[in-house]
Amino acid sequence: MASQKPPLIVIRSPAAIDELNDIWRWNAERYSLPHADEYLLYLTEFIADLSRNYLIGKTISARPNLRYVLVRRRVSGHGHVVVYRFDDKEVRILHIFHTAQDWENKLQEEMP
């Protein structure tokens, strides 16, 4: 029987931490504090699951070392795009963009 690989460590970049805070703040102002708390918990649990499921993301053609995954609570509607990279030890969460943002262009702008 093949042994499973141990989970990778999930690390959030400073930008991703700021983006999570902005997401919480927007939801708190637009909806309510409980809604903001629930949605942030949903996002952070999804991100934590990337420790084992890091291969679910799609490769970004302009940045093949990066992957992205769409996170939605419902089948339709808006959600967030989590951009990350991984190696044999860690999954590094780089950004969390709203689906209405031009996130691919923003990543292009970051390229040296």
PDB file of N, CA and C in Angstrom:
ATOM      1  N   MET A   1       0.842  -1.173   0.000  1.00  0.00           N
ATOM      2  CA  MET A   1       0.000   0.000   0.000  1.00  0.00           C
ATOM      3  C   MET A   1       0.888   1.237   0.000  1.00  0.00           C
ATOM      4  N   ALA A   2       0.605   2.168  -0.896  1.00  0.00           N
ATOM      5  CA  ALA A   2       1.404   3.388  -1.003  1.00  0.00           C
ATOM      6  C   ALA A   2       1.099   4.314   0.169  1.00  0.00           C
ATOM      7  N   SER A   3       2.129   4.930   0.685  1.00  0.00           N
ATOM      8  CA  SER A   3       1.916   5.858   1.791  1.00  0.00           C
ATOM      9  C   SER A   3       1.596   7.243   1.246  1.00  0.00           C
ATOM     10  N   GLN A   4       0.768   7.964   1.980  1.00  0.00           N
ATOM     11  CA  GLN A   4       0.408   9.313   1.579  1.00  0.00           C
ATOM     12  C   GLN A   4       1.519  10.273   1.958  1.00  0.00           C
ATOM     13  N   LYS A   5       1.671  11.308   1.132  1.00  0.00           N
ATOM     14  CA  LYS A   5       2.632  12.344   1.465  1.00  0.00           C
ATOM     15  C   LYS A   5       2.088  13.169   2.621  1.00  0.00           C
ATOM     16  N   PRO A   6       2.971  13.627   3.488  1.00  0.00           N
ATOM     17  CA  PRO A   6       2.493  14.494   4.576  1.00  0.00           C
ATOM     18  C   PRO A   6       2.013  15.826   3.986  1.00  0.00           C
ATOM     19  N   PRO A   7       1.103  16.491   4.673  1.00  0.00           N
ATOM     20  CA  PRO A   7       0.622  17.775   4.150  1.00  0.00           C
ATOM     21  C   PRO A   7       1.743  18.805   4.124  1.00  0.00           C
ATOM     22  N   LEU A   8       1.633  19.719   3.192  1.00  0.00           N
ATOM     23  CA  LEU A   8       2.594  20.814   3.096  1.00  0.00           C
ATOM     24  C   LEU A   8       2.190  21.918   4.074  1.00  0.00           C
ATOM     25  N   ILE A   9       3.112  22.755   4.397  1.00  0.00           N
ATOM     26  CA  ILE A   9       2.839  23.917   5.241  1.00  0.00           C
ATOM     27  C   ILE A   9       2.224  24.993   4.350  1.00  0.00           C
ATOM     28  N   VAL A  10       1.159  25.621   4.810  1.00  0.00           N
ATOM     29  CA  VAL A  10       0.531  26.715   4.069  1.00  0.00           C
ATOM     30  C   VAL A  10       0.997  28.029   4.675  1.00  0.00           C
ATOM     31  N   ILE A  11       1.566  28.877   3.833  1.00  0.00           N
ATOM     32  CA  ILE A  11       2.065  30.175   4.272  1.00  0.00           C
ATOM     33  C   ILE A  11       1.359  31.254   3.467  1.00  0.00           C
ATOM     34  N   ARG A  12       0.829  32.232   4.157  1.00  0.00           N
ATOM     35  CA  ARG A  12       0.177  33.367   3.490  1.00  0.00           C
ATOM     36  C   ARG A  12       1.166  34.516   3.382  1.00  0.00           C
ATOM     37  N   SER A  13       1.281  35.065   2.190  1.00  0.00           N
ATOM     38  CA  SER A  13       2.139  36.231   1.988  1.00  0.00           C
ATOM     39  C   SER A  13       1.521  37.440   2.692  1.00  0.00           C
ATOM     40  N   PRO A  14       2.319  38.469   2.955  1.00  0.00           N
ATOM     41  CA  PRO A  14       1.751  39.695   3.528  1.00  0.00           C
ATOM     42  C   PRO A  14       0.613  40.262   2.668  1.00  0.00           C
ATOM     43  N   ALA A  15       0.758  40.185   1.345  1.00  0.00           N
ATOM     44  CA  ALA A  15      -0.304  40.679   0.454  1.00  0.00           C
ATOM     45  C   ALA A  15      -1.580  39.867   0.658  1.00  0.00           C
ATOM     46  N   ALA A  16      -1.459  38.556   0.763  1.00  0.00           N
ATOM     47  CA  ALA A  16      -2.638  37.702   0.958  1.00  0.00           C
ATOM     48  C   ALA A  16      -3.304  37.980   2.304  1.00  0.00           C
ATOM     49  N   ILE A  17      -2.523  38.225   3.325  1.00  0.00           N
ATOM     50  CA  ILE A  17      -3.081  38.562   4.645  1.00  0.00           C
ATOM     51  C   ILE A  17      -3.863  39.877   4.555  1.00  0.00           C
ATOM     52  N   ASP A  18      -3.277  40.869   3.890  1.00  0.00           N
ATOM     53  CA  ASP A  18      -3.973  42.145   3.706  1.00  0.00           C
ATOM     54  C   ASP A  18      -5.261  41.954   2.912  1.00  0.00           C
ATOM     55  N   GLU A  19      -5.207  41.121   1.895  1.00  0.00           N
ATOM     56  CA  GLU A  19      -6.385  40.885   1.052  1.00  0.00           C
ATOM     57  C   GLU A  19      -7.486  40.166   1.841  1.00  0.00           C
ATOM     58  N   LEU A  20      -7.119  39.227   2.689  1.00  0.00           N
ATOM     59  CA  LEU A  20      -8.118  38.573   3.546  1.00  0.00           C
ATOM     60  C   LEU A  20      -8.766  39.581   4.499  1.00  0.00           C
ATOM     61  N   ASN A  21      -7.958  40.467   5.053  1.00  0.00           N
ATOM     62  CA  ASN A  21      -8.505  41.511   5.932  1.00  0.00           C
ATOM     63  C   ASN A  21      -9.460  42.422   5.173  1.00  0.00           C
ATOM     64  N   ASP A  22      -9.099  42.783   3.943  1.00  0.00           N
ATOM     65  CA  ASP A  22      -9.968  43.621   3.113  1.00  0.00           C
ATOM     66  C   ASP A  22     -11.273  42.902   2.789  1.00  0.00           C
ATOM     67  N   ILE A  23     -11.204  41.608   2.509  1.00  0.00           N
ATOM     68  CA  ILE A  23     -12.404  40.810   2.219  1.00  0.00           C
ATOM     69  C   ILE A  23     -13.327  40.795   3.435  1.00  0.00           C
ATOM     70  N   TRP A  24     -12.746  40.590   4.611  1.00  0.00           N
ATOM     71  CA  TRP A  24     -13.556  40.588   5.831  1.00  0.00           C
ATOM     72  C   TRP A  24     -14.222  41.951   6.024  1.00  0.00           C
ATOM     73  N   ARG A  25     -13.431  43.009   5.886  1.00  0.00           N
ATOM     74  CA  ARG A  25     -13.939  44.365   6.095  1.00  0.00           C
ATOM     75  C   ARG A  25     -15.081  44.676   5.125  1.00  0.00           C
ATOM     76  N   TRP A  26     -14.909  44.341   3.860  1.00  0.00           N
ATOM     77  CA  TRP A  26     -15.935  44.606   2.855  1.00  0.00           C
ATOM     78  C   TRP A  26     -17.224  43.864   3.197  1.00  0.00           C
ATOM     79  N   ASN A  27     -17.106  42.593   3.569  1.00  0.00           N
ATOM     80  CA  ASN A  27     -18.286  41.805   3.920  1.00  0.00           C
ATOM     81  C   ASN A  27     -18.960  42.322   5.189  1.00  0.00           C
ATOM     82  N   ALA A  28     -18.170  42.775   6.148  1.00  0.00           N
ATOM     83  CA  ALA A  28     -18.740  43.326   7.382  1.00  0.00           C
ATOM     84  C   ALA A  28     -19.524  44.600   7.091  1.00  0.00           C
ATOM     85  N   GLU A  29     -18.974  45.454   6.233  1.00  0.00           N
ATOM     86  CA  GLU A  29     -19.645  46.706   5.893  1.00  0.00           C
ATOM     87  C   GLU A  29     -20.853  46.471   5.000  1.00  0.00           C
ATOM     88  N   ARG A  30     -20.741  45.565   4.074  1.00  0.00           N
ATOM     89  CA  ARG A  30     -21.817  45.324   3.097  1.00  0.00           C
ATOM     90  C   ARG A  30     -22.946  44.467   3.681  1.00  0.00           C
ATOM     91  N   TYR A  31     -22.599  43.480   4.493  1.00  0.00           N
ATOM     92  CA  TYR A  31     -23.590  42.539   5.012  1.00  0.00           C
ATOM     93  C   TYR A  31     -23.697  42.629   6.528  1.00  0.00           C
ATOM     94  N   SER A  32     -22.791  41.966   7.234  1.00  0.00           N
ATOM     95  CA  SER A  32     -22.824  41.991   8.706  1.00  0.00           C
ATOM     96  C   SER A  32     -21.533  41.379   9.239  1.00  0.00           C
ATOM     97  N   LEU A  33     -21.287  41.586  10.524  1.00  0.00           N
ATOM     98  CA  LEU A  33     -20.101  40.985  11.148  1.00  0.00           C
ATOM     99  C   LEU A  33     -20.166  39.457  11.120  1.00  0.00           C
ATOM    100  N   PRO A  34     -21.313  38.851  11.467  1.00  0.00           N
ATOM    101  CA  PRO A  34     -21.363  37.384  11.396  1.00  0.00           C
ATOM    102  C   PRO A  34     -21.126  36.857   9.977  1.00  0.00           C
ATOM    103  N   HIS A  35     -21.685  37.540   8.984  1.00  0.00           N
ATOM    104  CA  HIS A  35     -21.463  37.115   7.594  1.00  0.00           C
ATOM    105  C   HIS A  35     -19.974  37.191   7.249  1.00  0.00           C
ATOM    106  N   ALA A  36     -19.338  38.289   7.631  1.00  0.00           N
ATOM    107  CA  ALA A  36     -17.909  38.467   7.349  1.00  0.00           C
ATOM    108  C   ALA A  36     -17.094  37.367   8.026  1.00  0.00           C
ATOM    109  N   ASP A  37     -17.432  37.063   9.265  1.00  0.00           N
ATOM    110  CA  ASP A  37     -16.720  36.004   9.990  1.00  0.00           C
ATOM    111  C   ASP A  37     -16.900  34.646   9.309  1.00  0.00           C
ATOM    112  N   GLU A  38     -18.134  34.337   8.918  1.00  0.00           N
ATOM    113  CA  GLU A  38     -18.415  33.045   8.273  1.00  0.00           C
ATOM    114  C   GLU A  38     -17.696  32.917   6.936  1.00  0.00           C
ATOM    115  N   TYR A  39     -17.722  33.993   6.147  1.00  0.00           N
ATOM    116  CA  TYR A  39     -17.081  33.921   4.835  1.00  0.00           C
ATOM    117  C   TYR A  39     -15.560  33.812   4.986  1.00  0.00           C
ATOM    118  N   LEU A  40     -14.993  34.555   5.909  1.00  0.00           N
ATOM    119  CA  LEU A  40     -13.549  34.470   6.123  1.00  0.00           C
ATOM    120  C   LEU A  40     -13.162  33.069   6.596  1.00  0.00           C
ATOM    121  N   LEU A  41     -13.965  32.476   7.467  1.00  0.00           N
ATOM    122  CA  LEU A  41     -13.708  31.113   7.908  1.00  0.00           C
ATOM    123  C   LEU A  41     -13.765  30.149   6.721  1.00  0.00           C
ATOM    124  N   TYR A  42     -14.759  30.308   5.865  1.00  0.00           N
ATOM    125  CA  TYR A  42     -14.881  29.480   4.665  1.00  0.00           C
ATOM    126  C   TYR A  42     -13.619  29.596   3.801  1.00  0.00           C
ATOM    127  N   LEU A  43     -13.181  30.829   3.534  1.00  0.00           N
ATOM    128  CA  LEU A  43     -11.980  31.038   2.716  1.00  0.00           C
ATOM    129  C   LEU A  43     -10.734  30.447   3.367  1.00  0.00           C
ATOM    130  N   THR A  44     -10.550  30.702   4.654  1.00  0.00           N
ATOM    131  CA  THR A  44      -9.337  30.231   5.317  1.00  0.00           C
ATOM    132  C   THR A  44      -9.309  28.704   5.425  1.00  0.00           C
ATOM    133  N   GLU A  45     -10.470  28.077   5.593  1.00  0.00           N
ATOM    134  CA  GLU A  45     -10.503  26.613   5.606  1.00  0.00           C
ATOM    135  C   GLU A  45     -10.175  26.045   4.222  1.00  0.00           C
ATOM    136  N   PHE A  46     -10.698  26.687   3.183  1.00  0.00           N
ATOM    137  CA  PHE A  46     -10.382  26.259   1.828  1.00  0.00           C
ATOM    138  C   PHE A  46      -8.880  26.378   1.584  1.00  0.00           C
ATOM    139  N   ILE A  47      -8.303  27.491   1.984  1.00  0.00           N
ATOM    140  CA  ILE A  47      -6.865  27.719   1.810  1.00  0.00           C
ATOM    141  C   ILE A  47      -6.067  26.692   2.599  1.00  0.00           C
ATOM    142  N   ALA A  48      -6.483  26.392   3.818  1.00  0.00           N
ATOM    143  CA  ALA A  48      -5.787  25.390   4.634  1.00  0.00           C
ATOM    144  C   ALA A  48      -5.817  24.023   3.953  1.00  0.00           C
ATOM    145  N   ASP A  49      -6.929  23.702   3.273  1.00  0.00           N
ATOM    146  CA  ASP A  49      -7.038  22.419   2.577  1.00  0.00           C
ATOM    147  C   ASP A  49      -6.044  22.286   1.424  1.00  0.00           C
ATOM    148  N   LEU A  50      -5.507  23.405   0.963  1.00  0.00           N
ATOM    149  CA  LEU A  50      -4.502  23.334  -0.103  1.00  0.00           C
ATOM    150  C   LEU A  50      -3.227  22.621   0.375  1.00  0.00           C
ATOM    151  N   SER A  51      -3.072  22.457   1.671  1.00  0.00           N
ATOM    152  CA  SER A  51      -1.906  21.735   2.191  1.00  0.00           C
ATOM    153  C   SER A  51      -1.866  20.311   1.645  1.00  0.00           C
ATOM    154  N   ARG A  52      -3.027  19.739   1.377  1.00  0.00           N
ATOM    155  CA  ARG A  52      -3.118  18.382   0.814  1.00  0.00           C
ATOM    156  C   ARG A  52      -3.577  18.379  -0.642  1.00  0.00           C
ATOM    157  N   ASN A  53      -4.335  19.398  -1.032  1.00  0.00           N
ATOM    158  CA  ASN A  53      -4.941  19.428  -2.359  1.00  0.00           C
ATOM    159  C   ASN A  53      -4.330  20.489  -3.259  1.00  0.00           C
ATOM    160  N   TYR A  54      -3.043  20.712  -3.145  1.00  0.00           N
ATOM    161  CA  TYR A  54      -2.388  21.787  -3.883  1.00  0.00           C
ATOM    162  C   TYR A  54      -2.375  21.577  -5.396  1.00  0.00           C
ATOM    163  N   LEU A  55      -2.645  20.380  -5.856  1.00  0.00           N
ATOM    164  CA  LEU A  55      -2.656  20.120  -7.299  1.00  0.00           C
ATOM    165  C   LEU A  55      -3.973  20.504  -7.963  1.00  0.00           C
ATOM    166  N   ILE A  56      -4.985  20.918  -7.199  1.00  0.00           N
ATOM    167  CA  ILE A  56      -6.276  21.245  -7.802  1.00  0.00           C
ATOM    168  C   ILE A  56      -6.246  22.520  -8.631  1.00  0.00           C
ATOM    169  N   GLY A  57      -5.306  23.403  -8.361  1.00  0.00           N
ATOM    170  CA  GLY A  57      -5.246  24.669  -9.077  1.00  0.00           C
ATOM    171  C   GLY A  57      -4.814  24.501 -10.520  1.00  0.00           C
ATOM    172  N   LYS A  58      -5.233  25.459 -11.327  1.00  0.00           N
ATOM    173  CA  LYS A  58      -4.839  25.479 -12.734  1.00  0.00           C
ATOM    174  C   LYS A  58      -3.600  26.344 -12.891  1.00  0.00           C
ATOM    175  N   THR A  59      -2.748  25.968 -13.811  1.00  0.00           N
ATOM    176  CA  THR A  59      -1.539  26.738 -14.082  1.00  0.00           C
ATOM    177  C   THR A  59      -1.908  28.041 -14.773  1.00  0.00           C
ATOM    178  N   ILE A  60      -1.219  29.106 -14.412  1.00  0.00           N
ATOM    179  CA  ILE A  60      -1.417  30.415 -15.041  1.00  0.00           C
ATOM    180  C   ILE A  60      -0.461  30.498 -16.218  1.00  0.00           C
ATOM    181  N   SER A  61      -0.991  30.642 -17.419  1.00  0.00           N
ATOM    182  CA  SER A  61      -0.154  30.556 -18.623  1.00  0.00           C
ATOM    183  C   SER A  61       0.977  31.579 -18.636  1.00  0.00           C
ATOM    184  N   ALA A  62       0.721  32.805 -18.213  1.00  0.00           N
ATOM    185  CA  ALA A  62       1.758  33.838 -18.219  1.00  0.00           C
ATOM    186  C   ALA A  62       2.770  33.656 -17.088  1.00  0.00           C
ATOM    187  N   ARG A  63       2.401  32.902 -16.082  1.00  0.00           N
ATOM    188  CA  ARG A  63       3.276  32.652 -14.937  1.00  0.00           C
ATOM    189  C   ARG A  63       3.193  31.166 -14.585  1.00  0.00           C
ATOM    190  N   PRO A  64       3.829  30.293 -15.371  1.00  0.00           N
ATOM    191  CA  PRO A  64       3.648  28.850 -15.199  1.00  0.00           C
ATOM    192  C   PRO A  64       4.100  28.287 -13.848  1.00  0.00           C
ATOM    193  N   ASN A  65       4.824  29.061 -13.067  1.00  0.00           N
ATOM    194  CA  ASN A  65       5.210  28.601 -11.733  1.00  0.00           C
ATOM    195  C   ASN A  65       4.104  28.849 -10.705  1.00  0.00           C
ATOM    196  N   LEU A  66       3.025  29.521 -11.151  1.00  0.00           N
ATOM    197  CA  LEU A  66       1.919  29.831 -10.253  1.00  0.00           C
ATOM    198  C   LEU A  66       0.674  29.055 -10.658  1.00  0.00           C
ATOM    199  N   ARG A  67      -0.187  28.843  -9.671  1.00  0.00           N
ATOM    200  CA  ARG A  67      -1.478  28.200  -9.907  1.00  0.00           C
ATOM    201  C   ARG A  67      -2.564  29.075  -9.304  1.00  0.00           C
ATOM    202  N   TYR A  68      -3.777  28.831  -9.767  1.00  0.00           N
ATOM    203  CA  TYR A  68      -4.915  29.529  -9.197  1.00  0.00           C
ATOM    204  C   TYR A  68      -6.072  28.561  -9.035  1.00  0.00           C
ATOM    205  N   VAL A  69      -6.932  28.890  -8.097  1.00  0.00           N
ATOM    206  CA  VAL A  69      -8.137  28.102  -7.876  1.00  0.00           C
ATOM    207  C   VAL A  69      -9.270  29.073  -7.560  1.00  0.00           C
ATOM    208  N   LEU A  70     -10.427  28.789  -8.135  1.00  0.00           N
ATOM    209  CA  LEU A  70     -11.613  29.597  -7.906  1.00  0.00           C
ATOM    210  C   LEU A  70     -12.338  29.066  -6.672  1.00  0.00           C
ATOM    211  N   VAL A  71     -12.676  29.972  -5.756  1.00  0.00           N
ATOM    212  CA  VAL A  71     -13.359  29.604  -4.525  1.00  0.00           C
ATOM    213  C   VAL A  71     -14.719  30.302  -4.516  1.00  0.00           C
ATOM    214  N   ARG A  72     -15.766  29.496  -4.494  1.00  0.00           N
ATOM    215  CA  ARG A  72     -17.131  30.032  -4.443  1.00  0.00           C
ATOM    216  C   ARG A  72     -17.943  29.229  -3.439  1.00  0.00           C
ATOM    217  N   ARG A  73     -18.821  29.909  -2.746  1.00  0.00           N
ATOM    218  CA  ARG A  73     -19.727  29.216  -1.821  1.00  0.00           C
ATOM    219  C   ARG A  73     -20.904  28.615  -2.564  1.00  0.00           C
ATOM    220  N   ARG A  74     -21.256  29.227  -3.701  1.00  0.00           N
ATOM    221  CA  ARG A  74     -22.367  28.728  -4.521  1.00  0.00           C
ATOM    222  C   ARG A  74     -21.837  28.406  -5.907  1.00  0.00           C
ATOM    223  N   VAL A  75     -22.617  27.676  -6.656  1.00  0.00           N
ATOM    224  CA  VAL A  75     -22.208  27.268  -7.997  1.00  0.00           C
ATOM    225  C   VAL A  75     -22.054  28.473  -8.916  1.00  0.00           C
ATOM    226  N   SER A  76     -22.927  29.458  -8.782  1.00  0.00           N
ATOM    227  CA  SER A  76     -22.834  30.639  -9.630  1.00  0.00           C
ATOM    228  C   SER A  76     -22.564  31.864  -8.765  1.00  0.00           C
ATOM    229  N   GLY A  77     -22.298  32.954  -9.425  1.00  0.00           N
ATOM    230  CA  GLY A  77     -22.039  34.198  -8.700  1.00  0.00           C
ATOM    231  C   GLY A  77     -20.551  34.426  -8.501  1.00  0.00           C
ATOM    232  N   HIS A  78     -20.274  35.498  -7.784  1.00  0.00           N
ATOM    233  CA  HIS A  78     -18.884  35.878  -7.546  1.00  0.00           C
ATOM    234  C   HIS A  78     -18.243  34.998  -6.488  1.00  0.00           C
ATOM    235  N   GLY A  79     -16.952  35.076  -6.444  1.00  0.00           N
ATOM    236  CA  GLY A  79     -16.165  34.360  -5.452  1.00  0.00           C
ATOM    237  C   GLY A  79     -14.790  34.994  -5.410  1.00  0.00           C
ATOM    238  N   HIS A  80     -13.807  34.198  -5.096  1.00  0.00           N
ATOM    239  CA  HIS A  80     -12.431  34.684  -5.029  1.00  0.00           C
ATOM    240  C   HIS A  80     -11.491  33.723  -5.743  1.00  0.00           C
ATOM    241  N   VAL A  81     -10.421  34.291  -6.237  1.00  0.00           N
ATOM    242  CA  VAL A  81      -9.379  33.528  -6.912  1.00  0.00           C
ATOM    243  C   VAL A  81      -8.165  33.524  -5.989  1.00  0.00           C
ATOM    244  N   VAL A  82      -7.747  32.332  -5.608  1.00  0.00           N
ATOM    245  CA  VAL A  82      -6.558  32.191  -4.758  1.00  0.00           C
ATOM    246  C   VAL A  82      -5.388  31.833  -5.672  1.00  0.00           C
ATOM    247  N   VAL A  83      -4.354  32.660  -5.631  1.00  0.00           N
ATOM    248  CA  VAL A  83      -3.152  32.450  -6.437  1.00  0.00           C
ATOM    249  C   VAL A  83      -2.050  31.960  -5.508  1.00  0.00           C
ATOM    250  N   TYR A  84      -1.397  30.878  -5.905  1.00  0.00           N
ATOM    251  CA  TYR A  84      -0.382  30.282  -5.034  1.00  0.00           C
ATOM    252  C   TYR A  84       0.697  29.574  -5.847  1.00  0.00           C
ATOM    253  N   ARG A  85       1.745  29.214  -5.144  1.00  0.00           N
ATOM    254  CA  ARG A  85       2.777  28.339  -5.712  1.00  0.00           C
ATOM    255  C   ARG A  85       3.131  27.329  -4.636  1.00  0.00           C
ATOM    256  N   PHE A  86       3.740  26.244  -5.043  1.00  0.00           N
ATOM    257  CA  PHE A  86       4.121  25.235  -4.059  1.00  0.00           C
ATOM    258  C   PHE A  86       5.424  24.577  -4.473  1.00  0.00           C
ATOM    259  N   ASP A  87       6.059  23.991  -3.487  1.00  0.00           N
ATOM    260  CA  ASP A  87       7.231  23.158  -3.713  1.00  0.00           C
ATOM    261  C   ASP A  87       7.058  21.915  -2.855  1.00  0.00           C
ATOM    262  N   ASP A  88       8.117  21.203  -2.568  1.00  0.00           N
ATOM    263  CA  ASP A  88       7.968  19.956  -1.813  1.00  0.00           C
ATOM    264  C   ASP A  88       7.733  20.163  -0.321  1.00  0.00           C
ATOM    265  N   LYS A  89       7.782  21.420   0.165  1.00  0.00           N
ATOM    266  CA  LYS A  89       7.599  21.675   1.592  1.00  0.00           C
ATOM    267  C   LYS A  89       6.427  22.592   1.922  1.00  0.00           C
ATOM    268  N   GLU A  90       6.108  23.519   1.008  1.00  0.00           N
ATOM    269  CA  GLU A  90       5.110  24.519   1.365  1.00  0.00           C
ATOM    270  C   GLU A  90       4.226  24.931   0.192  1.00  0.00           C
ATOM    271  N   VAL A  91       3.067  25.436   0.560  1.00  0.00           N
ATOM    272  CA  VAL A  91       2.156  26.108  -0.360  1.00  0.00           C
ATOM    273  C   VAL A  91       2.173  27.568   0.069  1.00  0.00           C
ATOM    274  N   ARG A  92       2.580  28.444  -0.823  1.00  0.00           N
ATOM    275  CA  ARG A  92       2.639  29.873  -0.495  1.00  0.00           C
ATOM    276  C   ARG A  92       1.485  30.586  -1.192  1.00  0.00           C
ATOM    277  N   ILE A  93       0.575  31.120  -0.388  1.00  0.00           N
ATOM    278  CA  ILE A  93      -0.571  31.862  -0.904  1.00  0.00           C
ATOM    279  C   ILE A  93      -0.077  33.281  -1.207  1.00  0.00           C
ATOM    280  N   LEU A  94      -0.146  33.654  -2.474  1.00  0.00           N
ATOM    281  CA  LEU A  94       0.390  34.947  -2.897  1.00  0.00           C
ATOM    282  C   LEU A  94      -0.668  36.042  -2.914  1.00  0.00           C
ATOM    283  N   HIS A  95      -1.849  35.700  -3.431  1.00  0.00           N
ATOM    284  CA  HIS A  95      -2.925  36.693  -3.545  1.00  0.00           C
ATOM    285  C   HIS A  95      -4.276  36.029  -3.433  1.00  0.00           C
ATOM    286  N   ILE A  96      -5.248  36.843  -3.051  1.00  0.00           N
ATOM    287  CA  ILE A  96      -6.645  36.430  -3.063  1.00  0.00           C
ATOM    288  C   ILE A  96      -7.417  37.576  -3.708  1.00  0.00           C
ATOM    289  N   PHE A  97      -7.855  37.349  -4.941  1.00  0.00           N
ATOM    290  CA  PHE A  97      -8.540  38.371  -5.722  1.00  0.00           C
ATOM    291  C   PHE A  97     -10.028  38.069  -5.808  1.00  0.00           C
ATOM    292  N   HIS A  98     -10.839  39.101  -5.861  1.00  0.00           N
ATOM    293  CA  HIS A  98     -12.262  38.930  -6.143  1.00  0.00           C
ATOM    294  C   HIS A  98     -12.391  38.581  -7.621  1.00  0.00           C
ATOM    295  N   THR A  99     -13.383  37.768  -7.952  1.00  0.00           N
ATOM    296  CA  THR A  99     -13.541  37.333  -9.343  1.00  0.00           C
ATOM    297  C   THR A  99     -13.864  38.483 -10.285  1.00  0.00           C
ATOM    298  N   ALA A 100     -14.368  39.600  -9.767  1.00  0.00           N
ATOM    299  CA  ALA A 100     -14.657  40.757 -10.618  1.00  0.00           C
ATOM    300  C   ALA A 100     -13.392  41.551 -10.950  1.00  0.00           C
ATOM    301  N   GLN A 101     -12.303  41.289 -10.251  1.00  0.00           N
ATOM    302  CA  GLN A 101     -11.047  41.992 -10.518  1.00  0.00           C
ATOM    303  C   GLN A 101     -10.357  41.391 -11.738  1.00  0.00           C
ATOM    304  N   ASP A 102      -9.559  42.202 -12.391  1.00  0.00           N
ATOM    305  CA  ASP A 102      -8.737  41.722 -13.500  1.00  0.00           C
ATOM    306  C   ASP A 102      -7.443  41.168 -12.905  1.00  0.00           C
ATOM    307  N   TRP A 103      -7.567  40.046 -12.235  1.00  0.00           N
ATOM    308  CA  TRP A 103      -6.459  39.497 -11.461  1.00  0.00           C
ATOM    309  C   TRP A 103      -5.287  39.059 -12.332  1.00  0.00           C
ATOM    310  N   GLU A 104      -5.559  38.573 -13.535  1.00  0.00           N
ATOM    311  CA  GLU A 104      -4.453  38.155 -14.407  1.00  0.00           C
ATOM    312  C   GLU A 104      -3.602  39.346 -14.821  1.00  0.00           C
ATOM    313  N   ASN A 105      -4.234  40.468 -15.077  1.00  0.00           N
ATOM    314  CA  ASN A 105      -3.495  41.686 -15.420  1.00  0.00           C
ATOM    315  C   ASN A 105      -2.678  42.166 -14.226  1.00  0.00           C
ATOM    316  N   LYS A 106      -3.256  42.082 -13.041  1.00  0.00           N
ATOM    317  CA  LYS A 106      -2.536  42.502 -11.835  1.00  0.00           C
ATOM    318  C   LYS A 106      -1.268  41.658 -11.630  1.00  0.00           C
ATOM    319  N   LEU A 107      -1.371  40.368 -11.916  1.00  0.00           N
ATOM    320  CA  LEU A 107      -0.198  39.505 -11.803  1.00  0.00           C
ATOM    321  C   LEU A 107       0.848  39.870 -12.846  1.00  0.00           C
ATOM    322  N   GLN A 108       0.390  40.197 -14.053  1.00  0.00           N
ATOM    323  CA  GLN A 108       1.320  40.608 -15.113  1.00  0.00           C
ATOM    324  C   GLN A 108       2.096  41.853 -14.697  1.00  0.00           C
ATOM    325  N   GLU A 109       1.401  42.781 -14.039  1.00  0.00           N
ATOM    326  CA  GLU A 109       2.034  44.024 -13.609  1.00  0.00           C
ATOM    327  C   GLU A 109       3.128  43.769 -12.567  1.00  0.00           C
ATOM    328  N   GLU A 110       3.015  42.679 -11.822  1.00  0.00           N
ATOM    329  CA  GLU A 110       4.017  42.345 -10.804  1.00  0.00           C
ATOM    330  C   GLU A 110       5.288  41.746 -11.395  1.00  0.00           C
ATOM    331  N   MET A 111       5.204  41.270 -12.635  1.00  0.00           N
ATOM    332  CA  MET A 111       6.365  40.617 -13.233  1.00  0.00           C
ATOM    333  C   MET A 111       7.499  41.603 -13.426  1.00  0.00           C
ATOM    334  N   PRO A 112       8.719  41.165 -13.130  1.00  0.00           N
ATOM    335  CA  PRO A 112       9.877  42.073 -13.301  1.00  0.00           C
ATOM    336  C   PRO A 112      10.163  42.348 -14.762  1.00  0.00           C
TER     337      PRO A 112
END
